[in-house]
Amino acid sequence: MKVLMLNGSPHERGCTNRALLEVERALNEEGIETEILHVGSQSVHGCIACQKCSETGRCVFNYDMVNQVLDKMETAAGLVVGSPVHYASPNGTVLSFLDRLFYAGRNFAFKPGAAVVSARRAGTTASLDVLNKYFTIAQMPVVSSSYWNMVHGFTPQEVEQDLEGLHTMRTLGKNMAWLLKCLEVGKAAGISFPSKEEIPRTNFIR
């Protein structure tokens, strides 16, 4: 089993990466393979609602890593998204990335997802709320921890001092590993995922 991890920070080795590394270590100790991809420093186009992905399952913009991540999600068992807090919200780059990723994605359902945020001071819970909405609209079980999934610090060295935040990251990794193993046991026992029902698309204005 493999968990894909996205670093949405513009700084590849910054505070968000330090948090993801702690989650990764816990997952690896539980026998779960991981891969961290740095997407936060790329030039990422926002979704233009062209609807082509509904035909192909891939985005028409092919110059960044969105389609590469879609390919990797074909076999990944879970997803962790990390972002710094910018104006009480996730990094704008990672939001554009996730808009296109989840709009084009076809097989995210029932794969556990988790969000991780880092901040110097505040805006963390608002940012977590934004990121978690991607998982909930895609039928992905949201993995929780012993506290909200956040670390505090202006540098990775300061994050090292956030002992509770790092404990939260390790617990998150262990919880995700546990859920992934439970899903495997259920699958082996013949427990199938819920059947899909076609969504009745209704508009509020008629």
C-alpha atoms as a PDB file:
ATOM      1  CA  MET A   1       0.000   0.000   0.000  1.00  0.00           C
ATOM      2  CA  LYS A   2       1.165   3.494  -0.835  1.00  0.00           C
ATOM      3  CA  VAL A   3       0.078   6.917   0.385  1.00  0.00           C
ATOM      4  CA  LEU A   4       0.670   9.896  -1.879  1.00  0.00           C
ATOM      5  CA  MET A   5       1.617  13.114  -0.084  1.00  0.00           C
ATOM      6  CA  LEU A   6       1.443  16.579  -1.655  1.00  0.00           C
ATOM      7  CA  ASN A   7       3.547  19.440  -0.326  1.00  0.00           C
ATOM      8  CA  GLY A   8       1.643  22.582  -1.281  1.00  0.00           C
ATOM      9  CA  SER A   9       4.171  25.008   0.182  1.00  0.00           C
ATOM     10  CA  PRO A  10       6.318  27.208  -2.063  1.00  0.00           C
ATOM     11  CA  HIS A  11       9.242  26.158   0.159  1.00  0.00           C
ATOM     12  CA  GLU A  12      10.162  22.544  -0.511  1.00  0.00           C
ATOM     13  CA  ARG A  13      12.014  22.109   2.800  1.00  0.00           C
ATOM     14  CA  GLY A  14       9.906  24.417   4.927  1.00  0.00           C
ATOM     15  CA  CYS A  15       7.466  23.976   7.810  1.00  0.00           C
ATOM     16  CA  THR A  16       4.827  22.086   5.811  1.00  0.00           C
ATOM     17  CA  ASN A  17       7.436  19.595   4.655  1.00  0.00           C
ATOM     18  CA  ARG A  18       8.563  19.092   8.253  1.00  0.00           C
ATOM     19  CA  ALA A  19       5.008  18.198   9.242  1.00  0.00           C
ATOM     20  CA  LEU A  20       4.623  15.814   6.294  1.00  0.00           C
ATOM     21  CA  LEU A  21       7.899  14.101   7.153  1.00  0.00           C
ATOM     22  CA  GLU A  22       6.542  13.300  10.618  1.00  0.00           C
ATOM     23  CA  VAL A  23       3.382  11.792   9.106  1.00  0.00           C
ATOM     24  CA  GLU A  24       5.512   9.897   6.611  1.00  0.00           C
ATOM     25  CA  ARG A  25       7.725   8.430   9.318  1.00  0.00           C
ATOM     26  CA  ALA A  26       4.723   7.089  11.219  1.00  0.00           C
ATOM     27  CA  LEU A  27       3.252   5.577   8.049  1.00  0.00           C
ATOM     28  CA  ASN A  28       6.561   3.947   7.124  1.00  0.00           C
ATOM     29  CA  GLU A  29       6.927   2.471  10.615  1.00  0.00           C
ATOM     30  CA  GLU A  30       3.527   0.833  10.082  1.00  0.00           C
ATOM     31  CA  GLY A  31       4.669  -0.683   6.780  1.00  0.00           C
ATOM     32  CA  ILE A  32       2.948   1.839   4.499  1.00  0.00           C
ATOM     33  CA  GLU A  33       4.942   3.121   1.528  1.00  0.00           C
ATOM     34  CA  THR A  34       4.884   6.875   0.864  1.00  0.00           C
ATOM     35  CA  GLU A  35       5.838   9.405  -1.792  1.00  0.00           C
ATOM     36  CA  ILE A  36       6.038  13.163  -1.263  1.00  0.00           C
ATOM     37  CA  LEU A  37       5.565  15.416  -4.298  1.00  0.00           C
ATOM     38  CA  HIS A  38       6.371  19.122  -4.106  1.00  0.00           C
ATOM     39  CA  VAL A  39       3.663  21.026  -5.994  1.00  0.00           C
ATOM     40  CA  GLY A  40       3.544  24.360  -4.165  1.00  0.00           C
ATOM     41  CA  SER A  41       6.219  26.196  -6.144  1.00  0.00           C
ATOM     42  CA  GLN A  42       4.852  25.374  -9.591  1.00  0.00           C
ATOM     43  CA  SER A  43       3.006  27.674 -11.948  1.00  0.00           C
ATOM     44  CA  VAL A  44      -0.457  26.128 -11.753  1.00  0.00           C
ATOM     45  CA  HIS A  45      -3.400  27.189 -13.898  1.00  0.00           C
ATOM     46  CA  GLY A  46      -6.818  27.349 -12.278  1.00  0.00           C
ATOM     47  CA  CYS A  47      -9.707  25.253 -13.571  1.00  0.00           C
ATOM     48  CA  ILE A  48     -11.470  26.842 -16.582  1.00  0.00           C
ATOM     49  CA  ALA A  49     -14.535  24.549 -16.408  1.00  0.00           C
ATOM     50  CA  CYS A  50     -14.044  23.366 -19.996  1.00  0.00           C
ATOM     51  CA  GLN A  51     -15.499  19.942 -19.041  1.00  0.00           C
ATOM     52  CA  LYS A  52     -12.936  18.045 -21.160  1.00  0.00           C
ATOM     53  CA  CYS A  53     -11.852  16.058 -18.099  1.00  0.00           C
ATOM     54  CA  SER A  54     -15.351  14.531 -17.959  1.00  0.00           C
ATOM     55  CA  GLU A  55     -14.528  12.844 -21.274  1.00  0.00           C
ATOM     56  CA  THR A  56     -10.880  11.934 -20.704  1.00  0.00           C
ATOM     57  CA  GLY A  57     -10.408  11.760 -16.946  1.00  0.00           C
ATOM     58  CA  ARG A  58      -7.400  14.051 -17.357  1.00  0.00           C
ATOM     59  CA  CYS A  59      -6.959  17.829 -17.383  1.00  0.00           C
ATOM     60  CA  VAL A  60      -6.367  19.700 -20.651  1.00  0.00           C
ATOM     61  CA  PHE A  61      -3.472  21.598 -19.036  1.00  0.00           C
ATOM     62  CA  ASN A  62      -0.516  19.254 -19.141  1.00  0.00           C
ATOM     63  CA  TYR A  63       2.399  21.500 -18.165  1.00  0.00           C
ATOM     64  CA  ASP A  64       2.230  20.912 -14.413  1.00  0.00           C
ATOM     65  CA  MET A  65       1.893  17.821 -12.185  1.00  0.00           C
ATOM     66  CA  VAL A  66      -1.905  17.505 -12.005  1.00  0.00           C
ATOM     67  CA  ASN A  67      -2.152  14.712 -14.581  1.00  0.00           C
ATOM     68  CA  GLN A  68       0.919  13.027 -13.107  1.00  0.00           C
ATOM     69  CA  VAL A  69      -0.788  12.959  -9.699  1.00  0.00           C
ATOM     70  CA  LEU A  70      -3.986  11.658 -11.308  1.00  0.00           C
ATOM     71  CA  ASP A  71      -1.935   8.793 -12.738  1.00  0.00           C
ATOM     72  CA  LYS A  72      -0.404   8.069  -9.347  1.00  0.00           C
ATOM     73  CA  MET A  73      -3.809   8.153  -7.654  1.00  0.00           C
ATOM     74  CA  GLU A  74      -4.877   5.214  -9.835  1.00  0.00           C
ATOM     75  CA  THR A  75      -2.858   2.940  -7.548  1.00  0.00           C
ATOM     76  CA  ALA A  76      -2.387   5.038  -4.392  1.00  0.00           C
ATOM     77  CA  ALA A  77      -4.289   3.848  -1.321  1.00  0.00           C
ATOM     78  CA  GLY A  78      -4.547   7.243   0.344  1.00  0.00           C
ATOM     79  CA  LEU A  79      -3.743  10.943   0.023  1.00  0.00           C
ATOM     80  CA  VAL A  80      -2.256  13.538   2.380  1.00  0.00           C
ATOM     81  CA  VAL A  81      -2.271  17.207   1.368  1.00  0.00           C
ATOM     82  CA  GLY A  82      -0.110  19.723   3.192  1.00  0.00           C
ATOM     83  CA  SER A  83      -0.224  23.497   2.901  1.00  0.00           C
ATOM     84  CA  PRO A  84       0.966  26.615   4.698  1.00  0.00           C
ATOM     85  CA  VAL A  85      -1.603  29.152   5.815  1.00  0.00           C
ATOM     86  CA  HIS A  86      -1.843  32.246   3.605  1.00  0.00           C
ATOM     87  CA  TYR A  87      -4.428  34.804   4.725  1.00  0.00           C
ATOM     88  CA  ALA A  88      -6.324  32.202   6.780  1.00  0.00           C
ATOM     89  CA  SER A  89      -6.537  29.869   3.779  1.00  0.00           C
ATOM     90  CA  PRO A  90      -4.333  27.291   2.045  1.00  0.00           C
ATOM     91  CA  ASN A  91      -1.748  28.420  -0.482  1.00  0.00           C
ATOM     92  CA  GLY A  92      -3.485  29.602  -3.675  1.00  0.00           C
ATOM     93  CA  THR A  93      -1.308  27.345  -5.811  1.00  0.00           C
ATOM     94  CA  VAL A  94      -2.378  24.198  -4.016  1.00  0.00           C
ATOM     95  CA  LEU A  95      -6.031  25.241  -4.222  1.00  0.00           C
ATOM     96  CA  SER A  96      -5.797  25.645  -8.009  1.00  0.00           C
ATOM     97  CA  PHE A  97      -4.011  22.293  -8.129  1.00  0.00           C
ATOM     98  CA  LEU A  98      -6.690  20.549  -6.064  1.00  0.00           C
ATOM     99  CA  ASP A  99      -9.565  22.157  -7.990  1.00  0.00           C
ATOM    100  CA  ARG A 100      -8.338  20.526 -11.182  1.00  0.00           C
ATOM    101  CA  LEU A 101      -7.178  17.303  -9.533  1.00  0.00           C
ATOM    102  CA  PHE A 102     -10.503  16.562  -7.863  1.00  0.00           C
ATOM    103  CA  TYR A 103     -12.621  17.791 -10.773  1.00  0.00           C
ATOM    104  CA  ALA A 104     -10.850  15.386 -13.130  1.00  0.00           C
ATOM    105  CA  GLY A 105     -10.339  12.549 -10.628  1.00  0.00           C
ATOM    106  CA  ARG A 106     -12.526   9.486 -11.037  1.00  0.00           C
ATOM    107  CA  ASN A 107     -11.275   6.983  -8.468  1.00  0.00           C
ATOM    108  CA  PHE A 108     -10.667   8.803  -5.190  1.00  0.00           C
ATOM    109  CA  ALA A 109     -13.737   7.373  -3.450  1.00  0.00           C
ATOM    110  CA  PHE A 110     -13.102   5.391  -0.251  1.00  0.00           C
ATOM    111  CA  LYS A 111      -9.381   6.196  -0.263  1.00  0.00           C
ATOM    112  CA  PRO A 112      -8.516   7.840   3.080  1.00  0.00           C
ATOM    113  CA  GLY A 113      -7.533  11.494   2.884  1.00  0.00           C
ATOM    114  CA  ALA A 114      -5.962  13.877   5.363  1.00  0.00           C
ATOM    115  CA  ALA A 115      -4.996  17.546   5.372  1.00  0.00           C
ATOM    116  CA  VAL A 116      -2.023  19.051   7.203  1.00  0.00           C
ATOM    117  CA  VAL A 117      -1.416  22.782   7.644  1.00  0.00           C
ATOM    118  CA  SER A 118       1.397  24.889   9.065  1.00  0.00           C
ATOM    119  CA  ALA A 119       1.253  28.454  10.305  1.00  0.00           C
ATOM    120  CA  ARG A 120       3.280  30.940  12.262  1.00  0.00           C
ATOM    121  CA  ARG A 121       0.259  31.809  14.353  1.00  0.00           C
ATOM    122  CA  ALA A 122      -3.366  31.542  13.164  1.00  0.00           C
ATOM    123  CA  GLY A 123      -5.711  30.650  10.311  1.00  0.00           C
ATOM    124  CA  THR A 124      -5.093  26.929  10.678  1.00  0.00           C
ATOM    125  CA  THR A 125      -8.598  25.630  11.390  1.00  0.00           C
ATOM    126  CA  ALA A 126     -10.070  27.694   8.549  1.00  0.00           C
ATOM    127  CA  SER A 127      -7.439  26.263   6.196  1.00  0.00           C
ATOM    128  CA  LEU A 128      -8.120  22.707   7.347  1.00  0.00           C
ATOM    129  CA  ASP A 129     -11.813  23.226   6.681  1.00  0.00           C
ATOM    130  CA  VAL A 130     -11.104  24.270   3.085  1.00  0.00           C
ATOM    131  CA  LEU A 131      -8.845  21.280   2.400  1.00  0.00           C
ATOM    132  CA  ASN A 132     -11.134  18.729   4.033  1.00  0.00           C
ATOM    133  CA  LYS A 133     -13.973  19.719   1.718  1.00  0.00           C
ATOM    134  CA  TYR A 134     -12.080  18.208  -1.224  1.00  0.00           C
ATOM    135  CA  PHE A 135     -12.072  14.832   0.517  1.00  0.00           C
ATOM    136  CA  THR A 136     -15.692  14.912   1.606  1.00  0.00           C
ATOM    137  CA  ILE A 137     -17.039  15.714  -1.871  1.00  0.00           C
ATOM    138  CA  ALA A 138     -15.013  12.814  -3.301  1.00  0.00           C
ATOM    139  CA  GLN A 139     -16.345  10.219  -0.801  1.00  0.00           C
ATOM    140  CA  MET A 140     -12.939   9.894   0.861  1.00  0.00           C
ATOM    141  CA  PRO A 141     -12.854   8.962   4.575  1.00  0.00           C
ATOM    142  CA  VAL A 142     -11.193  11.855   6.413  1.00  0.00           C
ATOM    143  CA  VAL A 143      -8.478  10.727   8.818  1.00  0.00           C
ATOM    144  CA  SER A 144      -8.360  12.513  12.156  1.00  0.00           C
ATOM    145  CA  SER A 145      -5.743  12.739  14.890  1.00  0.00           C
ATOM    146  CA  SER A 146      -5.509  13.646  18.567  1.00  0.00           C
ATOM    147  CA  TYR A 147      -5.843  17.349  17.708  1.00  0.00           C
ATOM    148  CA  TRP A 148      -6.446  19.352  14.537  1.00  0.00           C
ATOM    149  CA  ASN A 149      -3.773  18.493  11.986  1.00  0.00           C
ATOM    150  CA  MET A 150      -1.536  21.530  12.363  1.00  0.00           C
ATOM    151  CA  VAL A 151       1.962  22.572  13.329  1.00  0.00           C
ATOM    152  CA  HIS A 152       3.176  26.020  14.332  1.00  0.00           C
ATOM    153  CA  GLY A 153       6.433  27.764  13.503  1.00  0.00           C
ATOM    154  CA  PHE A 154       8.009  30.224  11.095  1.00  0.00           C
ATOM    155  CA  THR A 155      10.899  27.886  10.279  1.00  0.00           C
ATOM    156  CA  PRO A 156      11.317  24.093  10.331  1.00  0.00           C
ATOM    157  CA  GLN A 157      13.495  24.561  13.392  1.00  0.00           C
ATOM    158  CA  GLU A 158      10.630  26.271  15.198  1.00  0.00           C
ATOM    159  CA  VAL A 159       8.285  23.453  14.155  1.00  0.00           C
ATOM    160  CA  GLU A 160      10.710  21.100  15.915  1.00  0.00           C
ATOM    161  CA  GLN A 161       9.773  22.907  19.137  1.00  0.00           C
ATOM    162  CA  ASP A 162       6.057  22.288  18.577  1.00  0.00           C
ATOM    163  CA  LEU A 163       6.096  18.935  20.322  1.00  0.00           C
ATOM    164  CA  GLU A 164       2.311  18.641  20.444  1.00  0.00           C
ATOM    165  CA  GLY A 165       2.051  19.448  16.746  1.00  0.00           C
ATOM    166  CA  LEU A 166       4.593  16.753  15.872  1.00  0.00           C
ATOM    167  CA  HIS A 167       2.752  14.297  18.122  1.00  0.00           C
ATOM    168  CA  THR A 168      -0.431  15.140  16.204  1.00  0.00           C
ATOM    169  CA  MET A 169       1.357  14.370  12.920  1.00  0.00           C
ATOM    170  CA  ARG A 170       2.618  10.998  14.172  1.00  0.00           C
ATOM    171  CA  THR A 171      -0.826  10.086  15.456  1.00  0.00           C
ATOM    172  CA  LEU A 172      -2.308  11.053  12.104  1.00  0.00           C
ATOM    173  CA  GLY A 173       0.115   8.731  10.328  1.00  0.00           C
ATOM    174  CA  LYS A 174      -0.684   5.850  12.670  1.00  0.00           C
ATOM    175  CA  ASN A 175      -4.425   6.427  12.316  1.00  0.00           C
ATOM    176  CA  MET A 176      -4.201   6.455   8.533  1.00  0.00           C
ATOM    177  CA  ALA A 177      -2.151   3.250   8.546  1.00  0.00           C
ATOM    178  CA  TRP A 178      -4.738   1.605  10.811  1.00  0.00           C
ATOM    179  CA  LEU A 179      -7.612   2.634   8.543  1.00  0.00           C
ATOM    180  CA  LEU A 180      -5.796   1.434   5.425  1.00  0.00           C
ATOM    181  CA  LYS A 181      -5.195  -1.953   7.048  1.00  0.00           C
ATOM    182  CA  CYS A 182      -8.836  -2.176   8.125  1.00  0.00           C
ATOM    183  CA  LEU A 183      -9.950  -1.479   4.564  1.00  0.00           C
ATOM    184  CA  GLU A 184      -7.665  -4.248   3.304  1.00  0.00           C
ATOM    185  CA  VAL A 185      -9.066  -6.713   5.832  1.00  0.00           C
ATOM    186  CA  GLY A 186     -12.613  -5.762   4.890  1.00  0.00           C
ATOM    187  CA  LYS A 187     -11.851  -6.196   1.211  1.00  0.00           C
ATOM    188  CA  ALA A 188     -10.326  -9.631   1.842  1.00  0.00           C
ATOM    189  CA  ALA A 189     -13.438 -10.590   3.817  1.00  0.00           C
ATOM    190  CA  GLY A 190     -15.654  -9.736   0.861  1.00  0.00           C
ATOM    191  CA  ILE A 191     -17.033  -6.467   2.179  1.00  0.00           C
ATOM    192  CA  SER A 192     -17.625  -4.346  -0.888  1.00  0.00           C
ATOM    193  CA  PHE A 193     -17.823  -0.586  -1.121  1.00  0.00           C
ATOM    194  CA  PRO A 194     -21.295   1.002  -1.183  1.00  0.00           C
ATOM    195  CA  SER A 195     -23.006   0.827  -4.550  1.00  0.00           C
ATOM    196  CA  LYS A 196     -22.998   4.016  -6.569  1.00  0.00           C
ATOM    197  CA  GLU A 197     -26.220   5.843  -7.270  1.00  0.00           C
ATOM    198  CA  GLU A 198     -26.459   8.370 -10.064  1.00  0.00           C
ATOM    199  CA  ILE A 199     -26.493  11.903  -8.680  1.00  0.00           C
ATOM    200  CA  PRO A 200     -29.687  13.861  -9.450  1.00  0.00           C
ATOM    201  CA  ARG A 201     -28.211  17.237 -10.387  1.00  0.00           C
ATOM    202  CA  THR A 202     -30.568  19.946  -9.189  1.00  0.00           C
ATOM    203  CA  ASN A 203     -30.111  23.681  -9.480  1.00  0.00           C
ATOM    204  CA  PHE A 204     -31.368  26.099  -6.857  1.00  0.00           C
ATOM    205  CA  ILE A 205     -32.559  28.570  -9.474  1.00  0.00           C
ATOM    206  CA  ARG A 206     -35.158  27.370 -11.995  1.00  0.00           C
END
